[in-house]
Protein backbone atom coordinates (compact mmCIF):
# COMPACT_ATOMS: atom_id res chain seq x y z
CA MET A 1 121.35 83.89 105.72
CA ARG A 2 118.65 87.02 105.70
CA LEU A 3 115.56 86.59 103.48
CA ILE A 4 114.11 89.93 101.63
CA LEU A 5 110.59 89.36 100.92
CA LEU A 6 109.43 91.08 97.91
CA SER A 7 105.77 92.24 98.29
CA GLY A 8 104.58 94.65 95.08
CA GLY A 9 102.83 95.04 92.31
CA ALA A 10 98.68 95.16 92.29
CA GLY A 11 97.94 92.20 90.16
CA LYS A 12 95.16 93.47 87.47
CA ARG A 13 94.85 90.12 86.70
CA LEU A 14 92.99 89.73 89.80
CA TRP A 15 89.76 92.10 89.47
CA PRO A 16 87.94 93.30 90.88
CA LEU A 17 89.20 92.03 94.11
CA SER A 18 92.90 93.60 93.60
CA ASN A 19 93.70 96.86 93.19
CA ASN A 20 96.11 99.50 93.97
CA ASN A 21 95.09 99.49 97.78
CA ARG A 22 94.89 95.52 98.11
CA PRO A 23 97.34 93.53 95.80
CA LYS A 24 96.91 90.20 95.02
CA GLN A 25 98.94 88.65 97.67
CA PHE A 26 96.80 90.09 100.12
CA LEU A 27 93.59 88.30 98.77
CA PRO A 28 92.29 85.86 101.73
CA VAL A 29 90.81 83.03 99.27
CA LEU A 30 93.16 79.84 100.13
CA GLN A 31 92.17 77.41 102.66
CA HIS A 32 94.23 76.76 105.84
CA GLY A 33 92.33 74.08 108.34
CA ASP A 34 88.85 75.95 108.77
CA LEU A 35 90.49 79.48 108.30
CA ARG A 36 90.85 81.10 105.04
CA GLU A 37 94.47 83.10 104.30
CA SER A 38 95.95 85.23 101.90
CA MET A 39 99.04 84.19 99.69
CA LEU A 40 101.61 86.49 101.91
CA GLN A 41 100.23 84.74 105.18
CA ARG A 42 100.84 81.36 103.58
CA VAL A 43 104.23 81.92 102.88
CA TRP A 44 104.88 83.50 105.90
CA ARG A 45 103.66 80.55 108.03
CA GLN A 46 105.71 78.27 105.95
CA LEU A 47 108.63 80.26 106.86
CA GLU A 48 107.82 80.33 110.34
CA GLU A 49 107.16 76.79 110.34
CA ALA A 50 111.17 76.22 108.52
CA GLY A 51 112.75 78.53 111.38
CA LEU A 52 113.51 81.13 108.66
CA ALA A 53 111.08 84.02 109.66
CA GLN A 54 113.54 85.41 112.28
CA HIS A 55 115.57 86.56 109.70
CA ALA A 56 113.24 88.10 107.29
CA ILE A 57 112.20 91.23 106.29
CA PHE A 58 110.01 92.94 103.61
CA SER A 59 110.53 94.92 100.75
CA SER A 60 107.23 96.69 99.79
CA SER A 61 105.50 100.08 98.54
CA GLY A 62 104.41 102.41 101.33
CA SER A 63 100.87 101.60 100.83
CA GLN A 64 101.22 98.13 101.71
CA LYS A 65 102.88 98.64 104.67
CA GLU A 66 99.60 98.67 106.97
CA LEU A 67 98.32 96.04 105.07
CA ILE A 68 101.34 93.84 106.04
CA LEU A 69 101.39 94.41 109.41
CA SER A 70 97.22 93.69 109.69
CA GLN A 71 98.06 90.44 107.85
CA ILE A 72 101.16 89.23 110.04
CA SER A 73 102.87 91.17 112.51
CA THR A 74 103.72 94.66 114.05
CA ASP A 75 107.14 93.38 114.76
CA ILE A 76 108.27 92.73 111.37
CA GLU A 77 110.41 94.73 109.68
CA ILE A 78 109.50 96.62 106.56
CA VAL A 79 111.90 98.76 103.95
CA GLU A 80 109.39 100.81 102.39
CA GLU A 81 109.69 102.22 98.65
CA PRO A 82 109.45 105.83 98.13
CA ASP A 83 108.11 104.91 94.65
CA ARG A 84 107.86 101.92 92.65
CA ARG A 85 110.60 101.34 90.86
CA ASP A 86 110.79 97.59 89.69
CA THR A 87 112.77 94.99 91.67
CA PHE A 88 116.20 95.94 90.75
CA PRO A 89 115.61 98.98 92.75
CA ALA A 90 113.65 97.59 95.33
CA ILE A 91 116.24 95.11 95.97
CA ALA A 92 118.85 97.45 96.24
CA LEU A 93 117.14 99.37 98.62
CA ALA A 94 116.89 96.33 100.83
CA ALA A 95 120.31 95.57 100.57
CA ALA A 96 121.64 99.31 101.41
CA HIS A 97 119.47 99.25 104.72
CA LEU A 98 120.79 95.91 105.86
CA TYR A 99 124.59 97.00 104.92
CA SER A 100 123.75 99.91 107.15
CA GLN A 101 122.62 98.22 109.89
CA GLY A 102 126.03 96.51 110.16
CA VAL A 103 125.02 93.13 108.44
CA ASP A 104 128.20 91.70 107.12
CA LYS A 105 129.08 92.10 103.67
CA ASN A 106 129.93 87.94 103.20
CA GLU A 107 126.25 87.38 104.75
CA ILE A 108 124.09 85.56 102.14
CA ILE A 109 121.01 87.30 101.25
CA THR A 110 118.06 85.59 99.63
CA VAL A 111 115.33 86.95 97.82
CA MET A 112 111.60 85.47 97.66
CA PRO A 113 108.36 86.84 95.84
CA VAL A 114 105.71 86.59 98.37
CA ASP A 115 102.66 85.93 95.71
CA GLY A 116 104.02 81.98 95.03
CA TYR A 117 102.51 78.76 96.11
CA ALA A 118 104.25 76.08 96.50
CA ASP A 119 104.78 72.75 99.02
CA HIS A 120 106.78 73.06 102.05
CA SER A 121 109.44 71.00 100.52
CA PHE A 122 110.32 74.34 98.30
CA ILE A 123 110.86 76.75 101.14
CA GLU A 124 113.20 73.87 102.82
CA HIS A 125 115.27 74.14 99.57
CA ILE A 126 115.89 77.60 100.53
CA PRO A 127 119.04 77.34 102.96
CA ARG A 128 120.78 75.07 100.34
CA LEU A 129 121.15 78.32 98.30
CA ALA A 130 123.84 79.29 101.25
CA THR A 131 125.30 76.09 100.67
CA VAL A 132 125.80 76.35 96.95
CA LEU A 133 127.46 79.47 97.32
CA GLU A 134 129.72 78.81 99.54
CA ASP A 135 130.73 75.06 97.49
CA THR A 136 130.89 76.80 94.21
CA GLY A 137 132.22 80.33 94.73
CA CYS A 138 129.14 81.49 92.43
CA ASP A 139 127.64 85.39 92.72
CA ILE A 140 124.32 83.98 92.36
CA ALA A 141 122.43 80.94 93.02
CA LEU A 142 118.71 80.25 92.04
CA ILE A 143 115.94 77.57 92.55
CA GLY A 144 114.39 76.64 89.15
CA VAL A 145 111.29 74.54 89.07
CA LYS A 146 110.94 71.53 86.65
CA PRO A 147 108.00 72.32 84.39
CA ASP A 148 104.90 69.67 84.01
CA GLN A 149 103.68 71.37 80.86
CA PRO A 150 105.04 73.95 78.32
CA SER A 151 103.38 77.81 79.68
CA GLU A 152 104.09 81.29 78.16
CA LYS A 153 103.57 82.90 81.83
CA TYR A 154 106.94 82.39 83.13
CA GLY A 155 110.84 82.94 82.10
CA TYR A 156 112.83 79.89 81.89
CA ILE A 157 116.11 79.00 83.10
CA VAL A 158 118.53 76.74 81.30
CA PRO A 159 120.97 75.18 83.21
CA GLY A 160 124.34 74.17 82.09
CA LYS A 161 127.35 71.64 83.42
CA ASN A 162 126.85 69.91 86.50
CA LEU A 163 128.73 71.81 89.45
CA ALA A 164 128.08 68.81 91.61
CA SER A 165 128.93 65.24 91.93
CA ASP A 166 125.87 64.28 93.03
CA HIS A 167 124.11 66.20 90.04
CA SER A 168 122.15 68.50 92.56
CA TYR A 169 122.66 71.78 91.06
CA GLN A 170 124.08 73.03 87.84
CA ASP A 171 125.67 76.21 86.18
CA VAL A 172 123.25 78.56 84.22
CA GLU A 173 123.82 78.88 80.36
CA CYS A 174 121.14 80.70 79.46
CA PHE A 175 118.09 83.01 80.35
CA THR A 176 114.90 83.07 78.03
CA GLU A 177 111.69 85.14 79.31
CA LYS A 178 108.36 84.19 78.84
CA PRO A 179 108.27 82.21 75.21
CA ASP A 180 105.25 80.80 73.23
CA LEU A 181 104.61 77.48 73.80
CA THR A 182 106.55 76.26 70.41
CA LYS A 183 109.65 77.48 71.87
CA ALA A 184 108.88 76.68 75.79
CA ALA A 185 108.39 73.13 74.80
CA GLN A 186 111.74 72.97 72.86
CA LEU A 187 113.76 74.48 76.16
CA ILE A 188 111.66 72.24 78.10
CA GLU A 189 113.48 69.12 76.03
CA LYS A 190 116.85 70.69 76.58
CA GLY A 191 116.11 70.51 80.73
CA ALA A 192 114.98 74.08 80.88
CA LEU A 193 113.20 75.28 84.21
CA TRP A 194 111.07 77.55 85.10
CA ASN A 195 112.30 80.60 87.10
CA CYS A 196 110.67 81.23 89.97
CA GLY A 197 112.23 84.73 91.07
CA VAL A 198 113.94 83.19 94.18
CA PHE A 199 117.67 83.71 94.19
CA ALA A 200 120.70 83.90 96.90
CA PHE A 201 124.11 86.43 96.85
CA ARG A 202 126.26 87.75 98.94
CA LEU A 203 125.38 91.32 100.55
CA GLY A 204 129.12 92.58 99.22
CA TYR A 205 127.99 91.60 95.84
CA ILE A 206 124.91 93.98 95.47
CA ILE A 207 126.93 96.83 97.06
CA GLU A 208 129.32 96.31 94.48
CA ILE A 209 127.55 96.82 92.09
CA LEU A 210 125.57 99.69 93.27
CA ARG A 211 129.01 101.40 93.81
CA LYS A 212 130.22 100.49 90.24
CA LYS A 213 126.75 101.90 88.89
CA GLY A 214 127.90 105.36 91.00
CA LEU A 215 124.95 104.51 93.01
CA PRO A 216 125.01 105.16 96.49
CA TYR A 217 125.01 101.91 98.78
CA HIS A 218 124.11 103.63 102.17
CA TYR A 219 120.45 103.29 103.11
CA GLN A 220 119.37 107.17 103.30
CA GLN A 221 121.51 108.04 100.93
CA LEU A 222 119.53 105.78 98.26
CA ARG A 223 116.32 106.51 99.75
CA ASP A 224 116.73 110.60 98.89
CA MET A 225 117.34 109.51 95.24
CA TYR A 226 115.30 106.70 94.77
CA SER A 227 112.85 108.43 92.26
CA THR A 228 115.52 108.91 89.67
CA MET A 229 116.38 105.40 89.45
CA PRO A 230 115.35 103.60 86.51
CA LYS A 231 112.59 100.87 86.54
CA SER A 232 114.23 98.24 85.93
CA SER A 233 114.17 94.21 87.01
CA PHE A 234 116.73 92.91 89.37
CA ASP A 235 117.09 89.62 86.20
CA ILE A 236 118.13 92.08 83.71
CA GLU A 237 120.39 94.51 85.88
CA VAL A 238 121.90 91.79 87.84
CA VAL A 239 121.44 88.16 87.35
CA GLU A 240 121.46 87.62 83.82
CA LYS A 241 125.05 89.95 83.59
CA THR A 242 126.36 88.07 86.01
CA GLU A 243 128.99 85.37 84.75
CA LYS A 244 129.12 82.34 87.69
CA ARG A 245 125.91 81.42 88.17
CA ALA A 246 124.38 78.43 89.71
CA VAL A 247 121.06 76.74 89.90
CA ILE A 248 119.08 74.20 92.08
CA THR A 249 116.43 71.86 90.48
CA TYR A 250 113.04 72.01 92.29
CA ASN A 251 110.79 68.97 91.51
CA GLY A 252 107.65 70.11 93.11
CA THR A 253 104.55 71.96 93.52
CA TRP A 254 105.37 75.56 92.48
CA LYS A 255 102.52 77.70 91.15
CA ASP A 256 102.58 81.52 90.02
CA LEU A 257 98.68 82.38 91.10
CA GLY A 258 98.50 85.46 88.90
CA THR A 259 94.94 84.78 87.35
CA TRP A 260 91.79 83.49 88.14
CA ASP A 261 91.86 80.44 86.55
CA SER A 262 95.32 79.62 88.68
CA LEU A 263 94.17 80.66 91.95
CA THR A 264 90.70 78.87 91.96
CA GLU A 265 92.84 75.57 91.24
CA GLU A 266 94.15 75.82 94.58
CA MET A 267 90.96 77.47 96.46
CA ALA A 268 89.09 74.40 98.93
CA SER A 269 85.44 75.25 97.96
CA ASN A 270 84.04 76.18 94.54
CA ILE A 271 82.08 79.03 96.43
CA ILE A 272 83.44 81.65 98.89
CA GLY A 273 80.93 84.08 100.18
CA LYS A 274 77.07 84.24 99.63
CA GLY A 275 76.42 82.12 96.56
CA HIS A 276 75.00 79.32 94.64
CA LEU A 277 76.01 76.68 91.74
CA CYS A 278 73.78 74.71 90.36
CA LYS A 279 74.80 70.84 89.90
CA ASN A 280 75.08 71.47 86.13
CA SER A 281 77.47 74.40 86.69
CA VAL A 282 80.40 72.46 86.41
CA ASP A 283 84.06 73.80 86.96
CA SER A 284 82.40 77.03 87.91
CA HIS A 285 83.81 79.25 90.54
CA ILE A 286 81.81 81.82 92.17
CA ILE A 287 84.36 84.45 94.44
CA ASN A 288 81.48 87.03 95.99
CA GLU A 289 82.82 89.50 98.81
CA LEU A 290 79.65 91.64 98.71
CA ASP A 291 76.40 90.85 100.94
CA LEU A 292 74.48 90.31 98.05
CA PRO A 293 74.28 86.72 96.75
CA VAL A 294 75.08 85.57 93.67
CA SER A 295 73.79 82.70 91.33
CA VAL A 296 75.09 80.05 88.53
CA TRP A 297 72.49 78.62 87.17
CA LYS A 298 73.58 75.75 84.40
CA VAL A 299 76.66 77.72 82.98
CA PRO A 300 79.76 75.17 83.08
CA ASN A 301 83.60 76.63 83.40
CA ILE A 302 82.87 80.02 84.28
CA ILE A 303 84.09 82.25 87.07
CA VAL A 304 82.23 84.69 88.92
CA VAL A 305 84.25 87.72 90.90
CA SER A 306 82.20 90.09 92.52
CA GLY A 307 83.50 92.99 95.20
CA PRO A 308 83.49 97.02 95.58
CA ASP A 309 85.30 97.77 92.76
CA GLY A 310 83.15 95.37 90.28
CA ILE A 311 81.85 92.26 88.94
CA LEU A 312 83.91 89.91 86.59
CA VAL A 313 82.15 86.97 84.71
CA THR A 314 84.76 85.12 82.57
CA ASP A 315 85.30 81.79 80.84
CA ARG A 316 88.23 80.27 83.10
CA ASN A 317 90.08 79.51 80.32
CA GLU A 318 90.28 82.98 79.33
CA ALA A 319 90.74 84.59 82.51
CA THR A 320 94.75 85.23 81.72
CA GLY A 321 93.56 88.30 79.52
CA ILE A 322 91.36 90.48 81.43
CA LYS A 323 94.46 92.83 82.36
CA HIS A 324 94.22 94.53 78.79
CA MET A 325 89.71 94.73 79.71
CA VAL A 326 90.31 96.48 83.60
CA GLN A 327 92.44 99.21 81.75
CA GLN A 328 88.97 100.29 80.16
CA VAL A 329 86.66 99.78 83.40
CA GLU A 330 88.90 100.20 86.27
CA ILE A 331 87.60 102.66 88.64
CA PRO A 332 89.00 104.24 91.83
CA PRO A 333 89.55 101.23 94.37
CA ARG A 334 86.55 101.67 96.83
CA TYR A 335 87.70 98.45 99.43
CA ASP A 336 91.01 99.16 101.58
CA GLU A 337 92.30 97.48 104.57
CA ARG A 338 94.39 99.31 106.94
CA LEU A 339 96.18 98.28 110.39
CA TRP A 340 93.05 99.15 112.02
CA GLY A 341 90.70 97.52 110.33
CA LYS A 342 88.87 97.69 106.54
CA GLN A 343 86.71 100.22 105.18
CA THR A 344 84.24 100.13 101.77
CA VAL A 345 83.29 102.92 99.74
CA LEU A 346 79.53 102.67 99.54
CA MET A 347 78.36 105.85 97.64
CA HIS A 348 80.15 109.35 96.54
CA LYS A 349 78.12 112.47 95.02
CA VAL A 350 78.88 115.51 94.22
CA ASP A 351 76.22 118.26 94.02
CA PRO A 352 76.26 120.96 91.31
CA GLU A 353 77.78 123.37 93.83
CA GLY A 354 80.93 120.98 94.33
CA ASN A 355 79.70 119.59 97.70
CA GLU A 356 80.89 116.39 97.97
CA THR A 357 79.29 113.19 100.17
CA LEU A 358 80.99 109.99 100.62
CA THR A 359 79.36 107.31 102.45
CA LYS A 360 81.57 104.31 103.78
CA ARG A 361 81.26 101.07 106.17
CA VAL A 362 83.95 100.71 108.49
CA ILE A 363 85.18 97.87 110.21
CA ILE A 364 87.37 98.55 113.29
CA SER A 365 88.81 95.11 114.55
CA ALA A 366 88.62 94.28 118.47
CA GLY A 367 91.15 96.60 120.12
CA ARG A 368 92.32 98.74 117.59
CA ASN A 369 91.64 102.19 116.96
CA ILE A 370 92.10 105.07 114.07
CA SER A 371 94.43 107.60 114.36
CA TYR A 372 93.81 110.53 116.53
CA GLN A 373 93.10 113.44 113.42
CA GLU A 374 91.00 116.25 112.50
CA HIS A 375 89.88 117.88 109.30
CA HIS A 376 89.73 121.16 107.97
CA LEU A 377 87.60 121.08 105.01
CA ARG A 378 84.55 118.20 105.99
CA LYS A 379 82.71 117.38 108.87
CA GLU A 380 82.04 113.46 109.27
CA VAL A 381 79.07 111.69 110.88
CA TRP A 382 79.28 107.93 112.33
CA THR A 383 76.58 105.81 112.84
CA ILE A 384 77.06 102.66 115.33
CA VAL A 385 75.61 99.84 113.19
CA SER A 386 77.13 96.76 115.96
CA GLY A 387 79.80 96.43 118.38
CA SER A 388 80.99 99.01 121.32
CA GLY A 389 84.04 101.27 121.84
CA GLU A 390 85.45 104.81 122.90
CA VAL A 391 85.06 107.99 120.97
CA CYS A 392 87.76 110.74 121.72
CA LEU A 393 86.33 114.14 120.72
CA ASP A 394 89.02 116.91 121.27
CA GLY A 395 90.72 115.12 124.30
CA GLU A 396 87.18 114.26 126.04
CA PHE A 397 86.33 110.20 125.59
CA SER A 398 83.14 108.61 125.75
CA PRO A 399 81.44 105.25 125.23
CA ILE A 400 79.67 104.38 122.46
CA HIS A 401 77.34 101.30 121.09
CA ALA A 402 74.94 100.36 118.36
CA GLY A 403 72.42 102.73 117.60
CA ASP A 404 75.12 105.80 118.42
CA THR A 405 75.36 108.44 116.32
CA ILE A 406 78.60 110.98 116.26
CA ILE A 407 78.99 113.96 114.49
CA VAL A 408 82.66 115.31 114.00
CA GLU A 409 82.29 118.91 113.04
CA VAL A 410 84.95 120.66 110.66
CA GLY A 411 88.34 121.07 113.18
CA VAL A 412 87.26 118.88 115.89
CA ARG A 413 90.40 116.34 116.60
CA HIS A 414 88.94 112.79 116.94
CA ALA A 415 89.50 109.02 117.21
CA ILE A 416 87.30 106.03 117.56
CA ARG A 417 88.73 102.61 118.97
CA ALA A 418 86.78 99.18 118.90
CA LEU A 419 86.65 97.32 122.38
CA LYS A 420 86.09 93.23 122.62
CA THR A 421 84.51 92.87 119.58
CA ASP A 422 84.57 94.38 116.05
CA LEU A 423 83.09 97.81 115.55
CA GLU A 424 81.20 98.29 112.55
CA LEU A 425 79.83 101.90 111.36
CA ILE A 426 78.75 103.88 108.92
CA GLU A 427 80.57 106.72 108.16
CA VAL A 428 79.22 109.80 105.85
CA GLN A 429 81.68 112.72 104.90
CA VAL A 430 80.22 116.13 103.73
CA GLY A 431 82.25 118.44 102.48
CA LYS A 432 83.82 120.90 100.00
CA GLU A 433 86.96 118.93 99.74
CA ILE A 434 86.99 115.31 100.88
CA GLY A 435 90.41 113.05 100.48
CA GLU A 436 93.75 112.29 102.27
CA MET A 437 94.90 115.87 101.83
CA ASP A 438 92.95 116.96 104.38
CA THR A 439 93.75 114.58 106.97
CA ILE A 440 95.75 116.01 110.03
CA ARG A 441 97.22 113.40 111.88
CA PHE A 442 98.70 113.55 115.58
CA THR A 443 99.33 110.15 117.21
CA HIS A 444 98.56 106.41 116.52
CA ASP A 445 98.41 106.24 120.27
CA TRP A 446 95.27 106.26 121.51
CA ASP A 447 96.47 107.10 125.14
CA LEU A 448 98.06 110.06 123.64
CA ALA A 449 95.35 111.09 122.37
CA PRO A 450 94.44 114.15 125.35
CA SER A 451 98.10 115.30 125.50
CA THR A 452 98.15 116.73 121.76
CA GLN A 453 95.15 119.13 122.32
């Protein structure tokens, strides 16, 4: 069995910490022992403990590749989407990748989102999907979660007749997408299950669907025309149109941590970051990524979230609706995580003559470096705040320490790396045009930098 792990979307309901640069599955807000971990890291840890991680690949947008590698490992296989096209194109591209690698058409492929929250017992149900497909001859097998209450947040699977003597799985009668609470309660009375987006199929089944749709099923060909594929979900394009379907019922903890209310329920502490809650602020939470302290005084049942992109104060029971507000107040992301570390925009100014100044706080992780690169429209000034490292300017290496200032003039090839500890610096960019379009990268390998001169 192979696993396709879906990592997509921006999670605007978790603004201001979640944005296009750092979707919700990458937020380090869950507790594991003495450490905090993201949803992605939690799912990956569970898969490793179950012995399933070695068979997994990621399907993600290109902008998320460095985030995945920085949080998990540099050995993970990632299928990058050229554009965000929803789950059917993403899964099709990952399936075509496996097929082009020589994976047999009879291989069972299981698809799983990385932003779910479940007990380890949920992960143990995944191998059962392969057994169901083999025993029943069905084309699709799903995991459905037994609801603990009516909810408008999830789609529902309505099971039909039993397909096993021990009633461990049923066929699927129909699907209902996010009904209102009244309809949800009626569905639950009929035995309906939450659709958690985990399902399995044989690789050949998806390859045949692509063939029938007139789409290429070899990876590079499908990737070349990916941007022309319609944006559509795998549920609509495949699952709901499939006649032979089976569902396994999971009766345990599973949640979609897509709102601040649901996420804070799984946090080990009411405060993350610098903050203070008085004892009268019952059921309130602070999630603070800024260096400034946040205090809540005698205000119960609220959530305060502060980060580089903004500050949110919301009644916890109304947190679901902030997605519509975000569209009115959202600014370009100011926080970014990379394979080499992280950076935060502190200030961006443009003078009357059109000259730009961009100031960033940059933290390079121990033992890592930015790529060897140059710019033609701006110069950069680096002030080292803490740590020690090494800088390369036009092929010449020099040590750097806290208090040092390095000026990188226009056209100078440069890179910087941290040694045994994280290296923190303030970077000021000054020029007529500041952006990624003015970055020419030569190599990510520190030892190869001199050879690119």
